[in-house]
Structures are given as C-alpha cells and as structure tokens.
Amino acid sequence: MDENRFEKIYSQGKVSITEIWVDKETGVNYLFRRDGYGGGLTVLLDENGKPVITKK
C-alpha cells in the first residue's frame, strides 16, 4: 500500500483555506475547509448528491 494514500489536487486561500483531496485507493474526492482555528472535512458531492470520484 502506498504510504501517501491522499493527494491534494486543489488549494485556495492563505488564511481561509479550501482544499480538495483525493483518496488514491478509491478515487473519492473530499472537500477540506479551514478558517482560523476551525476546520472540517466532507465528501465532495456532485449535482445528484453522489460522491465525486476521480478515475485512476
């Protein structure tokens, strides 16, 4: 198994950070948001409410 399972494919901001991460094993995309001391991670969904999956 690859020791770096997740790959950051998008990043925006300096203080308020928005990033998209891809699980290289499943292809599922995750949205990470950080602002100050708070942050959160969630599955990135398409217009139909299904997870965005990046093809390998």
C-alpha atoms as a PDB file:
ATOM      1  CA  MET A   1       0.000   0.000   0.000  1.00  0.00           C
ATOM      2  CA  ASP A   2       1.192   3.499  -0.862  1.00  0.00           C
ATOM      3  CA  GLU A   3       2.157   5.424   2.286  1.00  0.00           C
ATOM      4  CA  ASN A   4       0.617   8.617   0.822  1.00  0.00           C
ATOM      5  CA  ARG A   5      -2.971   7.486   0.324  1.00  0.00           C
ATOM      6  CA  PHE A   6      -4.373  11.014  -0.107  1.00  0.00           C
ATOM      7  CA  GLU A   7      -3.302  13.557  -2.710  1.00  0.00           C
ATOM      8  CA  LYS A   8      -4.133  17.276  -2.612  1.00  0.00           C
ATOM      9  CA  ILE A   9      -5.358  18.315  -6.069  1.00  0.00           C
ATOM     10  CA  TYR A  10      -6.633  21.845  -5.328  1.00  0.00           C
ATOM     11  CA  SER A  11      -5.813  24.586  -2.837  1.00  0.00           C
ATOM     12  CA  GLN A  12      -7.104  28.137  -2.461  1.00  0.00           C
ATOM     13  CA  GLY A  13      -6.524  30.842   0.146  1.00  0.00           C
ATOM     14  CA  LYS A  14      -3.978  31.802   2.775  1.00  0.00           C
ATOM     15  CA  VAL A  15      -5.999  32.355   5.982  1.00  0.00           C
ATOM     16  CA  SER A  16      -9.294  30.810   4.927  1.00  0.00           C
ATOM     17  CA  ILE A  17      -8.167  27.601   3.211  1.00  0.00           C
ATOM     18  CA  THR A  18     -10.209  25.454   0.817  1.00  0.00           C
ATOM     19  CA  GLU A  19      -8.671  22.218  -0.466  1.00  0.00           C
ATOM     20  CA  ILE A  20      -9.770  19.168  -2.432  1.00  0.00           C
ATOM     21  CA  TRP A  21      -8.148  15.840  -1.558  1.00  0.00           C
ATOM     22  CA  VAL A  22      -8.430  12.545  -3.465  1.00  0.00           C
ATOM     23  CA  ASP A  23      -8.217   9.099  -1.878  1.00  0.00           C
ATOM     24  CA  LYS A  24      -5.868   7.355  -4.333  1.00  0.00           C
ATOM     25  CA  GLU A  25      -7.277   3.907  -3.477  1.00  0.00           C
ATOM     26  CA  THR A  26     -10.982   4.684  -4.006  1.00  0.00           C
ATOM     27  CA  GLY A  27     -10.877   7.866  -6.126  1.00  0.00           C
ATOM     28  CA  VAL A  28     -13.331   9.602  -3.757  1.00  0.00           C
ATOM     29  CA  ASN A  29     -12.874  13.402  -3.525  1.00  0.00           C
ATOM     30  CA  TYR A  30     -13.033  15.241  -0.190  1.00  0.00           C
ATOM     31  CA  LEU A  31     -13.509  18.955   0.479  1.00  0.00           C
ATOM     32  CA  PHE A  32     -11.453  20.371   3.357  1.00  0.00           C
ATOM     33  CA  ARG A  33     -12.154  23.866   4.702  1.00  0.00           C
ATOM     34  CA  ARG A  34     -10.184  25.678   7.405  1.00  0.00           C
ATOM     35  CA  ASP A  35     -10.747  29.164   8.766  1.00  0.00           C
ATOM     36  CA  GLY A  36      -8.728  30.278  11.788  1.00  0.00           C
ATOM     37  CA  TYR A  37      -8.780  27.520  14.418  1.00  0.00           C
ATOM     38  CA  GLY A  38     -11.770  25.659  12.950  1.00  0.00           C
ATOM     39  CA  GLY A  39     -11.973  23.265  10.062  1.00  0.00           C
ATOM     40  CA  GLY A  40     -13.920  20.446   8.527  1.00  0.00           C
ATOM     41  CA  LEU A  41     -13.743  17.632   6.001  1.00  0.00           C
ATOM     42  CA  THR A  42     -16.604  16.185   3.954  1.00  0.00           C
ATOM     43  CA  VAL A  43     -17.145  14.064   0.867  1.00  0.00           C
ATOM     44  CA  LEU A  44     -17.431  16.247  -2.238  1.00  0.00           C
ATOM     45  CA  LEU A  45     -20.805  15.616  -3.900  1.00  0.00           C
ATOM     46  CA  ASP A  46     -21.965  16.144  -7.483  1.00  0.00           C
ATOM     47  CA  GLU A  47     -25.243  17.747  -8.576  1.00  0.00           C
ATOM     48  CA  ASN A  48     -27.093  14.456  -7.966  1.00  0.00           C
ATOM     49  CA  GLY A  49     -25.804  14.043  -4.396  1.00  0.00           C
ATOM     50  CA  LYS A  50     -23.369  11.257  -5.312  1.00  0.00           C
ATOM     51  CA  PRO A  51     -19.668  11.327  -4.326  1.00  0.00           C
ATOM     52  CA  VAL A  52     -17.284  12.802  -6.898  1.00  0.00           C
ATOM     53  CA  ILE A  53     -14.907  10.024  -7.958  1.00  0.00           C
ATOM     54  CA  THR A  54     -11.679  10.652  -9.874  1.00  0.00           C
ATOM     55  CA  LYS A  55     -10.783   7.865 -12.296  1.00  0.00           C
ATOM     56  CA  LYS A  56      -7.357   6.309 -11.766  1.00  0.00           C
END
